[in-house]
C-alpha atoms as a PDB file:
ATOM      1  CA  MET A   1       0.005  -0.031   0.072  1.00  0.00           C
ATOM      2  CA  SER A   2       1.528   3.273  -1.167  1.00  0.00           C
ATOM      3  CA  THR A   3      -0.887   5.633   0.711  1.00  0.00           C
ATOM      4  CA  SER A   4      -0.355   6.775   4.394  1.00  0.00           C
ATOM      5  CA  VAL A   5      -2.919   6.095   6.983  1.00  0.00           C
ATOM      6  CA  ALA A   6      -3.499   9.817   7.083  1.00  0.00           C
ATOM      7  CA  GLU A   7      -4.788   9.827   3.344  1.00  0.00           C
ATOM      8  CA  GLU A   8      -7.201   6.915   3.867  1.00  0.00           C
ATOM      9  CA  PHE A   9     -10.750   7.052   4.845  1.00  0.00           C
ATOM     10  CA  PHE A  10     -12.075   4.484   7.363  1.00  0.00           C
ATOM     11  CA  GLU A  11     -15.501   3.968   8.662  1.00  0.00           C
ATOM     12  CA  ILE A  12     -14.282   2.672  11.837  1.00  0.00           C
ATOM     13  CA  VAL A  13     -11.049   3.699  13.526  1.00  0.00           C
ATOM     14  CA  TYR A  14      -9.775   1.179  15.987  1.00  0.00           C
ATOM     15  CA  ALA A  15      -6.695   2.380  18.394  1.00  0.00           C
ATOM     16  CA  GLU A  16      -5.004  -0.537  20.194  1.00  0.00           C
ATOM     17  CA  ASP A  17      -1.334  -0.765  21.078  1.00  0.00           C
ATOM     18  CA  SER A  18      -1.108  -4.494  21.534  1.00  0.00           C
ATOM     19  CA  PRO A  19      -0.740  -6.251  18.242  1.00  0.00           C
ATOM     20  CA  THR A  20      -2.323  -9.534  19.764  1.00  0.00           C
ATOM     21  CA  ASP A  21      -5.406  -7.776  20.934  1.00  0.00           C
ATOM     22  CA  ALA A  22      -5.759  -5.907  17.558  1.00  0.00           C
ATOM     23  CA  GLU A  23      -5.576  -9.198  15.519  1.00  0.00           C
ATOM     24  CA  VAL A  24      -8.158 -10.885  17.857  1.00  0.00           C
ATOM     25  CA  THR A  25     -10.364  -7.916  17.213  1.00  0.00           C
ATOM     26  CA  LEU A  26      -9.913  -7.424  13.539  1.00  0.00           C
ATOM     27  CA  ARG A  27     -10.312 -11.209  13.113  1.00  0.00           C
ATOM     28  CA  ALA A  28     -13.717 -11.113  14.851  1.00  0.00           C
ATOM     29  CA  PHE A  29     -14.624  -8.079  12.564  1.00  0.00           C
ATOM     30  CA  ARG A  30     -13.722 -10.291   9.503  1.00  0.00           C
ATOM     31  CA  LYS A  31     -15.526 -13.357  10.939  1.00  0.00           C
ATOM     32  CA  ALA A  32     -18.666 -11.303  11.194  1.00  0.00           C
ATOM     33  CA  ASN A  33     -18.405 -10.167   7.645  1.00  0.00           C
ATOM     34  CA  LEU A  34     -18.377  -6.590   8.684  1.00  0.00           C
ATOM     35  CA  GLY A  35     -18.462  -4.564   5.474  1.00  0.00           C
ATOM     36  CA  ASN A  36     -17.048  -1.376   6.982  1.00  0.00           C
ATOM     37  CA  ARG A  37     -13.349  -0.235   6.309  1.00  0.00           C
ATOM     38  CA  VAL A  38     -11.466  -0.567   9.455  1.00  0.00           C
ATOM     39  CA  GLY A  39      -8.366   1.253  10.222  1.00  0.00           C
ATOM     40  CA  TRP A  40      -5.999   0.110  13.013  1.00  0.00           C
ATOM     41  CA  LEU A  41      -4.059   2.718  14.538  1.00  0.00           C
ATOM     42  CA  LYS A  42      -1.564   1.839  17.313  1.00  0.00           C
ATOM     43  CA  ASP A  43      -2.324   4.926  19.760  1.00  0.00           C
ATOM     44  CA  GLY A  44      -4.364   7.947  20.631  1.00  0.00           C
ATOM     45  CA  GLN A  45      -1.847  10.148  19.006  1.00  0.00           C
ATOM     46  CA  GLN A  46      -2.109   8.386  15.540  1.00  0.00           C
ATOM     47  CA  VAL A  47      -5.958   8.830  16.159  1.00  0.00           C
ATOM     48  CA  LEU A  48      -5.495  12.556  16.795  1.00  0.00           C
ATOM     49  CA  ASP A  49      -3.472  12.936  13.724  1.00  0.00           C
ATOM     50  CA  TYR A  50      -5.834  11.049  11.728  1.00  0.00           C
ATOM     51  CA  LEU A  51      -8.771  13.206  12.768  1.00  0.00           C
ATOM     52  CA  PHE A  52      -7.071  16.638  13.032  1.00  0.00           C
ATOM     53  CA  GLY A  53      -3.716  16.340  11.216  1.00  0.00           C
ATOM     54  CA  ASP A  54      -2.034  18.584   8.736  1.00  0.00           C
ATOM     55  CA  SER A  55      -2.673  16.618   5.794  1.00  0.00           C
ATOM     56  CA  PRO A  56      -4.946  18.416   3.205  1.00  0.00           C
ATOM     57  CA  ASP A  57      -7.145  15.205   3.050  1.00  0.00           C
ATOM     58  CA  VAL A  58      -8.214  15.720   6.661  1.00  0.00           C
ATOM     59  CA  LEU A  59     -10.603  18.477   5.452  1.00  0.00           C
ATOM     60  CA  ASN A  60     -11.873  16.501   2.508  1.00  0.00           C
ATOM     61  CA  ARG A  61     -12.618  13.144   3.865  1.00  0.00           C
ATOM     62  CA  PRO A  62     -15.765  12.269   6.130  1.00  0.00           C
ATOM     63  CA  LEU A  63     -15.324  11.734   9.807  1.00  0.00           C
ATOM     64  CA  PRO A  64     -15.303   7.947  10.873  1.00  0.00           C
ATOM     65  CA  ARG A  65     -18.712   6.560  11.993  1.00  0.00           C
ATOM     66  CA  LEU A  66     -17.209   4.713  14.966  1.00  0.00           C
ATOM     67  CA  LEU A  67     -14.049   5.209  17.236  1.00  0.00           C
ATOM     68  CA  LEU A  68     -12.965   2.175  19.248  1.00  0.00           C
ATOM     69  CA  LEU A  69     -10.324   3.422  21.632  1.00  0.00           C
ATOM     70  CA  ASP A  70      -8.021   1.491  23.935  1.00  0.00           C
ATOM     71  CA  LEU A  71      -8.484   3.301  27.268  1.00  0.00           C
ATOM     72  CA  HIS A  72      -5.341   2.301  28.671  1.00  0.00           C
ATOM     73  CA  ASN A  73      -2.869   2.984  25.855  1.00  0.00           C
ATOM     74  CA  HIS A  74       0.649   3.872  26.819  1.00  0.00           C
ATOM     75  CA  THR A  75       1.230   7.180  24.745  1.00  0.00           C
ATOM     76  CA  VAL A  76      -2.095   8.920  24.466  1.00  0.00           C
ATOM     77  CA  ALA A  77      -5.061   6.901  26.152  1.00  0.00           C
ATOM     78  CA  GLY A  78      -8.271   6.613  24.461  1.00  0.00           C
ATOM     79  CA  ILE A  79      -9.917   8.598  27.307  1.00  0.00           C
ATOM     80  CA  GLN A  80      -7.551  11.533  26.391  1.00  0.00           C
ATOM     81  CA  VAL A  81      -8.744  11.448  22.700  1.00  0.00           C
END
């Protein structure tokens, strides 16, 4: 994939710093045949950058329909987002 996360549109943004936990959740989404585009971001700072970053694409893309945030993330916790 040549585009950065900031340039993509996700209907669901999922923030999780544990790759194992993220894989379990993403597998459950796939198993449920979830049709929405899910973007996995590793911390709250990436979520903030995705939502409010400097990229010109931020202004042109719709907001995600759902944010799933890890409340105990080590950099920027979900509760801070």
